[in-house]
């Protein structure tokens, strides 16, 4: 994983034995002590606020991930 803090950049090798593609499962595994998770703060804010999760590497930001939005052509939109 690559992280940046201002102009400083680092690369951290990451090994793991589990891979999931569902946010709730990421959170559950982290809460049960399986390791670290990288999620948007608003997704885990309650857990952070209540102390069930603790933020690490707060000064470091991960590489940005592009987001693509797809939407149907106008003729497929519902009348509402």
PDB file of N, CA and C in Angstrom:
ATOM      1  N   UNK A   1       0.840  -1.161   0.000  1.00  0.00           N
ATOM      2  CA  UNK A   1       0.000   0.000   0.000  1.00  0.00           C
ATOM      3  C   UNK A   1       0.892   1.234   0.000  1.00  0.00           C
ATOM      4  N   UNK A   2       0.428   2.242  -0.693  1.00  0.00           N
ATOM      5  CA  UNK A   2       1.181   3.495  -0.741  1.00  0.00           C
ATOM      6  C   UNK A   2       0.443   4.565   0.049  1.00  0.00           C
ATOM      7  N   UNK A   3       1.231   5.353   0.800  1.00  0.00           N
ATOM      8  CA  UNK A   3       0.684   6.422   1.612  1.00  0.00           C
ATOM      9  C   UNK A   3       1.478   7.694   1.372  1.00  0.00           C
ATOM     10  N   UNK A   4       0.830   8.830   1.601  1.00  0.00           N
ATOM     11  CA  UNK A   4       1.498  10.122   1.447  1.00  0.00           C
ATOM     12  C   UNK A   4       1.166  11.007   2.633  1.00  0.00           C
ATOM     13  N   UNK A   5       2.156  11.819   3.008  1.00  0.00           N
ATOM     14  CA  UNK A   5       1.985  12.841   4.036  1.00  0.00           C
ATOM     15  C   UNK A   5       2.679  14.076   3.490  1.00  0.00           C
ATOM     16  N   UNK A   6       1.877  14.976   2.935  1.00  0.00           N
ATOM     17  CA  UNK A   6       2.458  16.128   2.242  1.00  0.00           C
ATOM     18  C   UNK A   6       3.194  15.640   1.010  1.00  0.00           C
ATOM     19  N   UNK A   7       4.479  16.002   0.904  1.00  0.00           N
ATOM     20  CA  UNK A   7       5.295  15.566  -0.227  1.00  0.00           C
ATOM     21  C   UNK A   7       5.995  14.230   0.030  1.00  0.00           C
ATOM     22  N   UNK A   8       5.930  13.752   1.254  1.00  0.00           N
ATOM     23  CA  UNK A   8       6.587  12.501   1.623  1.00  0.00           C
ATOM     24  C   UNK A   8       5.710  11.315   1.240  1.00  0.00           C
ATOM     25  N   UNK A   9       6.303  10.299   0.618  1.00  0.00           N
ATOM     26  CA  UNK A   9       5.564   9.114   0.199  1.00  0.00           C
ATOM     27  C   UNK A   9       6.278   7.865   0.700  1.00  0.00           C
ATOM     28  N   UNK A  10       5.478   6.879   1.121  1.00  0.00           N
ATOM     29  CA  UNK A  10       6.040   5.600   1.545  1.00  0.00           C
ATOM     30  C   UNK A  10       5.217   4.471   0.941  1.00  0.00           C
ATOM     31  N   UNK A  11       5.841   3.326   0.843  1.00  0.00           N
ATOM     32  CA  UNK A  11       5.162   2.126   0.383  1.00  0.00           C
ATOM     33  C   UNK A  11       5.310   1.070   1.472  1.00  0.00           C
ATOM     34  N   UNK A  12       4.184   0.487   1.883  1.00  0.00           N
ATOM     35  CA  UNK A  12       4.182  -0.497   2.961  1.00  0.00           C
ATOM     36  C   UNK A  12       3.700  -1.826   2.397  1.00  0.00           C
ATOM     37  N   UNK A  13       4.545  -2.866   2.444  1.00  0.00           N
ATOM     38  CA  UNK A  13       4.086  -4.177   1.974  1.00  0.00           C
ATOM     39  C   UNK A  13       3.010  -4.724   2.910  1.00  0.00           C
ATOM     40  N   UNK A  14       1.970  -5.275   2.332  1.00  0.00           N
ATOM     41  CA  UNK A  14       0.852  -5.792   3.120  1.00  0.00           C
ATOM     42  C   UNK A  14       0.638  -7.256   2.766  1.00  0.00           C
ATOM     43  N   UNK A  15       0.555  -8.097   3.798  1.00  0.00           N
ATOM     44  CA  UNK A  15       0.262  -9.511   3.602  1.00  0.00           C
ATOM     45  C   UNK A  15      -1.054  -9.797   4.308  1.00  0.00           C
ATOM     46  N   UNK A  16      -1.812 -10.712   3.774  1.00  0.00           N
ATOM     47  CA  UNK A  16      -3.063 -11.061   4.420  1.00  0.00           C
ATOM     48  C   UNK A  16      -3.533 -12.430   3.999  1.00  0.00           C
ATOM     49  N   UNK A  17      -4.385 -12.998   4.825  1.00  0.00           N
ATOM     50  CA  UNK A  17      -4.923 -14.319   4.517  1.00  0.00           C
ATOM     51  C   UNK A  17      -6.410 -14.271   4.207  1.00  0.00           C
ATOM     52  N   UNK A  18      -7.007 -13.089   4.289  1.00  0.00           N
ATOM     53  CA  UNK A  18      -8.440 -12.952   4.023  1.00  0.00           C
ATOM     54  C   UNK A  18      -8.673 -11.808   3.056  1.00  0.00           C
ATOM     55  N   UNK A  19      -9.656 -11.993   2.205  1.00  0.00           N
ATOM     56  CA  UNK A  19     -10.062 -10.933   1.287  1.00  0.00           C
ATOM     57  C   UNK A  19     -11.581 -10.926   1.249  1.00  0.00           C
ATOM     58  N   UNK A  20     -12.162  -9.769   1.467  1.00  0.00           N
ATOM     59  CA  UNK A  20     -13.620  -9.644   1.440  1.00  0.00           C
ATOM     60  C   UNK A  20     -13.999  -8.470   0.542  1.00  0.00           C
ATOM     61  N   UNK A  21     -15.240  -8.452   0.108  1.00  0.00           N
ATOM     62  CA  UNK A  21     -15.688  -7.360  -0.749  1.00  0.00           C
ATOM     63  C   UNK A  21     -16.983  -6.743  -0.219  1.00  0.00           C
ATOM     64  N   UNK A  22     -17.163  -6.786   1.092  1.00  0.00           N
ATOM     65  CA  UNK A  22     -18.367  -6.235   1.697  1.00  0.00           C
ATOM     66  C   UNK A  22     -17.958  -5.450   2.933  1.00  0.00           C
ATOM     67  N   UNK A  23     -18.349  -4.187   2.988  1.00  0.00           N
ATOM     68  CA  UNK A  23     -17.906  -3.277   4.042  1.00  0.00           C
ATOM     69  C   UNK A  23     -18.248  -3.784   5.436  1.00  0.00           C
ATOM     70  N   UNK A  24     -19.457  -4.295   5.614  1.00  0.00           N
ATOM     71  CA  UNK A  24     -19.854  -4.790   6.927  1.00  0.00           C
ATOM     72  C   UNK A  24     -18.954  -5.899   7.431  1.00  0.00           C
ATOM     73  N   UNK A  25     -18.515  -6.767   6.533  1.00  0.00           N
ATOM     74  CA  UNK A  25     -17.624  -7.859   6.917  1.00  0.00           C
ATOM     75  C   UNK A  25     -16.233  -7.330   7.256  1.00  0.00           C
ATOM     76  N   UNK A  26     -15.755  -6.335   6.504  1.00  0.00           N
ATOM     77  CA  UNK A  26     -14.477  -5.688   6.852  1.00  0.00           C
ATOM     78  C   UNK A  26     -14.529  -5.186   8.288  1.00  0.00           C
ATOM     79  N   UNK A  27     -15.594  -4.459   8.608  1.00  0.00           N
ATOM     80  CA  UNK A  27     -15.725  -3.875   9.945  1.00  0.00           C
ATOM     81  C   UNK A  27     -15.805  -4.970  10.996  1.00  0.00           C
ATOM     82  N   UNK A  28     -16.618  -5.984  10.755  1.00  0.00           N
ATOM     83  CA  UNK A  28     -16.773  -7.085  11.716  1.00  0.00           C
ATOM     84  C   UNK A  28     -15.427  -7.767  11.990  1.00  0.00           C
ATOM     85  N   UNK A  29     -14.665  -8.039  10.930  1.00  0.00           N
ATOM     86  CA  UNK A  29     -13.370  -8.696  11.115  1.00  0.00           C
ATOM     87  C   UNK A  29     -12.416  -7.810  11.907  1.00  0.00           C
ATOM     88  N   UNK A  30     -12.439  -6.527  11.628  1.00  0.00           N
ATOM     89  CA  UNK A  30     -11.568  -5.607  12.356  1.00  0.00           C
ATOM     90  C   UNK A  30     -11.967  -5.541  13.832  1.00  0.00           C
ATOM     91  N   UNK A  31     -13.261  -5.449  14.095  1.00  0.00           N
ATOM     92  CA  UNK A  31     -13.752  -5.418  15.473  1.00  0.00           C
ATOM     93  C   UNK A  31     -13.382  -6.689  16.232  1.00  0.00           C
ATOM     94  N   UNK A  32     -13.272  -7.807  15.527  1.00  0.00           N
ATOM     95  CA  UNK A  32     -12.931  -9.084  16.165  1.00  0.00           C
ATOM     96  C   UNK A  32     -11.425  -9.333  16.218  1.00  0.00           C
ATOM     97  N   UNK A  33     -10.631  -8.324  15.813  1.00  0.00           N
ATOM     98  CA  UNK A  33      -9.187  -8.411  15.985  1.00  0.00           C
ATOM     99  C   UNK A  33      -8.412  -9.065  14.862  1.00  0.00           C
ATOM    100  N   UNK A  34      -8.989  -9.152  13.675  1.00  0.00           N
ATOM    101  CA  UNK A  34      -8.288  -9.791  12.561  1.00  0.00           C
ATOM    102  C   UNK A  34      -7.222  -8.902  11.939  1.00  0.00           C
ATOM    103  N   UNK A  35      -7.201  -7.624  12.260  1.00  0.00           N
ATOM    104  CA  UNK A  35      -6.175  -6.752  11.709  1.00  0.00           C
ATOM    105  C   UNK A  35      -6.689  -5.360  11.438  1.00  0.00           C
ATOM    106  N   UNK A  36      -6.027  -4.695  10.506  1.00  0.00           N
ATOM    107  CA  UNK A  36      -6.351  -3.317  10.162  1.00  0.00           C
ATOM    108  C   UNK A  36      -7.296  -3.276   8.976  1.00  0.00           C
ATOM    109  N   UNK A  37      -8.034  -2.190   8.888  1.00  0.00           N
ATOM    110  CA  UNK A  37      -8.955  -1.994   7.777  1.00  0.00           C
ATOM    111  C   UNK A  37      -8.820  -0.545   7.310  1.00  0.00           C
ATOM    112  N   UNK A  38      -8.966  -0.342   6.026  1.00  0.00           N
ATOM    113  CA  UNK A  38      -8.910   1.007   5.465  1.00  0.00           C
ATOM    114  C   UNK A  38     -10.274   1.332   4.861  1.00  0.00           C
ATOM    115  N   UNK A  39     -11.026   2.162   5.568  1.00  0.00           N
ATOM    116  CA  UNK A  39     -12.375   2.535   5.134  1.00  0.00           C
ATOM    117  C   UNK A  39     -12.575   4.025   5.316  1.00  0.00           C
ATOM    118  N   UNK A  40     -13.593   4.553   4.672  1.00  0.00           N
ATOM    119  CA  UNK A  40     -13.941   5.955   4.850  1.00  0.00           C
ATOM    120  C   UNK A  40     -14.346   6.194   6.301  1.00  0.00           C
ATOM    121  N   UNK A  41     -13.955   7.336   6.824  1.00  0.00           N
ATOM    122  CA  UNK A  41     -14.220   7.649   8.228  1.00  0.00           C
ATOM    123  C   UNK A  41     -15.712   7.631   8.550  1.00  0.00           C
ATOM    124  N   UNK A  42     -16.539   8.112   7.628  1.00  0.00           N
ATOM    125  CA  UNK A  42     -17.977   8.157   7.919  1.00  0.00           C
ATOM    126  C   UNK A  42     -18.578   6.759   8.067  1.00  0.00           C
ATOM    127  N   UNK A  43     -17.936   5.747   7.524  1.00  0.00           N
ATOM    128  CA  UNK A  43     -18.444   4.376   7.620  1.00  0.00           C
ATOM    129  C   UNK A  43     -18.182   3.788   9.006  1.00  0.00           C
ATOM    130  N   UNK A  44     -17.111   4.211   9.653  1.00  0.00           N
ATOM    131  CA  UNK A  44     -16.737   3.657  10.961  1.00  0.00           C
ATOM    132  C   UNK A  44     -16.790   4.700  12.074  1.00  0.00           C
ATOM    133  N   UNK A  45     -17.376   5.856  11.816  1.00  0.00           N
ATOM    134  CA  UNK A  45     -17.355   6.959  12.785  1.00  0.00           C
ATOM    135  C   UNK A  45     -17.943   6.558  14.141  1.00  0.00           C
ATOM    136  N   UNK A  46     -19.019   5.794  14.150  1.00  0.00           N
ATOM    137  CA  UNK A  46     -19.628   5.374  15.415  1.00  0.00           C
ATOM    138  C   UNK A  46     -18.671   4.489  16.205  1.00  0.00           C
ATOM    139  N   UNK A  47     -18.013   3.556  15.528  1.00  0.00           N
ATOM    140  CA  UNK A  47     -17.053   2.667  16.195  1.00  0.00           C
ATOM    141  C   UNK A  47     -15.867   3.463  16.731  1.00  0.00           C
ATOM    142  N   UNK A  48     -15.415   4.470  15.973  1.00  0.00           N
ATOM    143  CA  UNK A  48     -14.316   5.320  16.435  1.00  0.00           C
ATOM    144  C   UNK A  48     -14.748   6.137  17.647  1.00  0.00           C
ATOM    145  N   UNK A  49     -15.917   6.730  17.568  1.00  0.00           N
ATOM    146  CA  UNK A  49     -16.430   7.577  18.646  1.00  0.00           C
ATOM    147  C   UNK A  49     -16.602   6.779  19.940  1.00  0.00           C
ATOM    148  N   UNK A  50     -17.049   5.540  19.826  1.00  0.00           N
ATOM    149  CA  UNK A  50     -17.293   4.717  21.012  1.00  0.00           C
ATOM    150  C   UNK A  50     -16.067   3.925  21.450  1.00  0.00           C
ATOM    151  N   UNK A  51     -14.940   4.095  20.741  1.00  0.00           N
ATOM    152  CA  UNK A  51     -13.692   3.474  21.155  1.00  0.00           C
ATOM    153  C   UNK A  51     -13.524   2.020  20.769  1.00  0.00           C
ATOM    154  N   UNK A  52     -14.430   1.473  19.968  1.00  0.00           N
ATOM    155  CA  UNK A  52     -14.285   0.070  19.532  1.00  0.00           C
ATOM    156  C   UNK A  52     -13.192  -0.056  18.480  1.00  0.00           C
ATOM    157  N   UNK A  53     -12.983   1.014  17.713  1.00  0.00           N
ATOM    158  CA  UNK A  53     -11.888   1.071  16.742  1.00  0.00           C
ATOM    159  C   UNK A  53     -11.034   2.292  17.042  1.00  0.00           C
ATOM    160  N   UNK A  54      -9.756   2.209  16.686  1.00  0.00           N
ATOM    161  CA  UNK A  54      -8.813   3.299  16.905  1.00  0.00           C
ATOM    162  C   UNK A  54      -8.132   3.610  15.578  1.00  0.00           C
ATOM    163  N   UNK A  55      -8.081   4.889  15.240  1.00  0.00           N
ATOM    164  CA  UNK A  55      -7.428   5.283  13.995  1.00  0.00           C
ATOM    165  C   UNK A  55      -5.910   5.182  14.142  1.00  0.00           C
ATOM    166  N   UNK A  56      -5.258   4.605  13.139  1.00  0.00           N
ATOM    167  CA  UNK A  56      -3.797   4.556  13.082  1.00  0.00           C
ATOM    168  C   UNK A  56      -3.360   5.249  11.796  1.00  0.00           C
ATOM    169  N   UNK A  57      -2.139   5.728  11.771  1.00  0.00           N
ATOM    170  CA  UNK A  57      -1.593   6.430  10.603  1.00  0.00           C
ATOM    171  C   UNK A  57      -2.464   7.621  10.206  1.00  0.00           C
ATOM    172  N   UNK A  58      -2.944   8.366  11.196  1.00  0.00           N
ATOM    173  CA  UNK A  58      -3.864   9.479  10.941  1.00  0.00           C
ATOM    174  C   UNK A  58      -3.244  10.554  10.041  1.00  0.00           C
ATOM    175  N   UNK A  59      -1.944  10.748  10.118  1.00  0.00           N
ATOM    176  CA  UNK A  59      -1.280  11.774   9.302  1.00  0.00           C
ATOM    177  C   UNK A  59      -1.036  11.334   7.868  1.00  0.00           C
ATOM    178  N   UNK A  60      -1.173  10.059   7.592  1.00  0.00           N
ATOM    179  CA  UNK A  60      -0.870   9.517   6.272  1.00  0.00           C
ATOM    180  C   UNK A  60      -2.154   9.250   5.503  1.00  0.00           C
ATOM    181  N   UNK A  61      -2.154   9.588   4.241  1.00  0.00           N
ATOM    182  CA  UNK A  61      -3.315   9.378   3.374  1.00  0.00           C
ATOM    183  C   UNK A  61      -2.982   8.311   2.333  1.00  0.00           C
ATOM    184  N   UNK A  62      -3.897   7.390   2.066  1.00  0.00           N
ATOM    185  CA  UNK A  62      -3.655   6.391   1.013  1.00  0.00           C
ATOM    186  C   UNK A  62      -3.792   7.033  -0.357  1.00  0.00           C
ATOM    187  N   UNK A  63      -3.295   6.333  -1.372  1.00  0.00           N
ATOM    188  CA  UNK A  63      -3.499   6.793  -2.738  1.00  0.00           C
ATOM    189  C   UNK A  63      -4.988   6.955  -3.003  1.00  0.00           C
ATOM    190  N   UNK A  64      -5.317   7.913  -3.823  1.00  0.00           N
ATOM    191  CA  UNK A  64      -6.717   8.103  -4.193  1.00  0.00           C
ATOM    192  C   UNK A  64      -7.183   6.959  -5.078  1.00  0.00           C
ATOM    193  N   UNK A  65      -8.447   6.609  -4.914  1.00  0.00           N
ATOM    194  CA  UNK A  65      -9.058   5.545  -5.704  1.00  0.00           C
ATOM    195  C   UNK A  65     -10.090   6.192  -6.617  1.00  0.00           C
ATOM    196  N   UNK A  66      -9.974   5.981  -7.919  1.00  0.00           N
ATOM    197  CA  UNK A  66     -10.962   6.597  -8.817  1.00  0.00           C
ATOM    198  C   UNK A  66     -12.346   5.981  -8.625  1.00  0.00           C
ATOM    199  N   UNK A  67     -13.353   6.806  -8.758  1.00  0.00           N
ATOM    200  CA  UNK A  67     -14.743   6.355  -8.655  1.00  0.00           C
ATOM    201  C   UNK A  67     -15.432   6.665  -9.966  1.00  0.00           C
ATOM    202  N   UNK A  68     -16.128   5.686 -10.518  1.00  0.00           N
ATOM    203  CA  UNK A  68     -16.845   5.859 -11.771  1.00  0.00           C
ATOM    204  C   UNK A  68     -18.328   5.646 -11.514  1.00  0.00           C
ATOM    205  N   UNK A  69     -19.141   6.544 -12.033  1.00  0.00           N
ATOM    206  CA  UNK A  69     -20.586   6.426 -11.887  1.00  0.00           C
ATOM    207  C   UNK A  69     -21.203   6.088 -13.232  1.00  0.00           C
ATOM    208  N   UNK A  70     -22.085   5.124 -13.233  1.00  0.00           N
ATOM    209  CA  UNK A  70     -22.802   4.739 -14.446  1.00  0.00           C
ATOM    210  C   UNK A  70     -24.279   5.005 -14.227  1.00  0.00           C
ATOM    211  N   UNK A  71     -24.932   5.495 -15.230  1.00  0.00           N
ATOM    212  CA  UNK A  71     -26.357   5.753 -15.120  1.00  0.00           C
ATOM    213  C   UNK A  71     -27.020   5.421 -16.445  1.00  0.00           C
ATOM    214  N   UNK A  72     -28.308   5.057 -16.397  1.00  0.00           N
ATOM    215  CA  UNK A  72     -29.004   4.672 -17.633  1.00  0.00           C
ATOM    216  C   UNK A  72     -29.308   5.885 -18.499  1.00  0.00           C
ATOM    217  N   UNK A  73     -29.464   5.638 -19.764  1.00  0.00           N
ATOM    218  CA  UNK A  73     -29.867   6.674 -20.701  1.00  0.00           C
ATOM    219  C   UNK A  73     -31.261   7.154 -20.321  1.00  0.00           C
ATOM    220  N   UNK A  74     -31.627   8.369 -20.677  1.00  0.00           N
ATOM    221  CA  UNK A  74     -32.907   8.972 -20.280  1.00  0.00           C
ATOM    222  C   UNK A  74     -34.120   8.086 -20.571  1.00  0.00           C
ATOM    223  N   UNK A  75     -34.113   7.372 -21.637  1.00  0.00           N
ATOM    224  CA  UNK A  75     -35.305   6.612 -21.999  1.00  0.00           C
ATOM    225  C   UNK A  75     -35.600   5.479 -21.021  1.00  0.00           C
ATOM    226  N   UNK A  76     -34.645   5.138 -20.166  1.00  0.00           N
ATOM    227  CA  UNK A  76     -34.858   4.063 -19.193  1.00  0.00           C
ATOM    228  C   UNK A  76     -35.211   4.592 -17.801  1.00  0.00           C
ATOM    229  N   UNK A  77     -35.317   5.884 -17.634  1.00  0.00           N
ATOM    230  CA  UNK A  77     -35.646   6.443 -16.327  1.00  0.00           C
ATOM    231  C   UNK A  77     -37.116   6.238 -15.999  1.00  0.00           C
ATOM    232  N   UNK A  78     -37.412   6.062 -14.721  1.00  0.00           N
ATOM    233  CA  UNK A  78     -38.806   5.898 -14.320  1.00  0.00           C
ATOM    234  C   UNK A  78     -39.535   7.242 -14.433  1.00  0.00           C
ATOM    235  N   UNK A  79     -40.841   7.246 -14.643  1.00  0.00           N
ATOM    236  CA  UNK A  79     -41.604   8.494 -14.795  1.00  0.00           C
ATOM    237  C   UNK A  79     -41.554   9.365 -13.540  1.00  0.00           C
ATOM    238  N   UNK A  80     -41.346   8.746 -12.377  1.00  0.00           N
ATOM    239  CA  UNK A  80     -41.306   9.517 -11.128  1.00  0.00           C
ATOM    240  C   UNK A  80     -40.046  10.343 -11.095  1.00  0.00           C
TER     241      UNK A  80
END
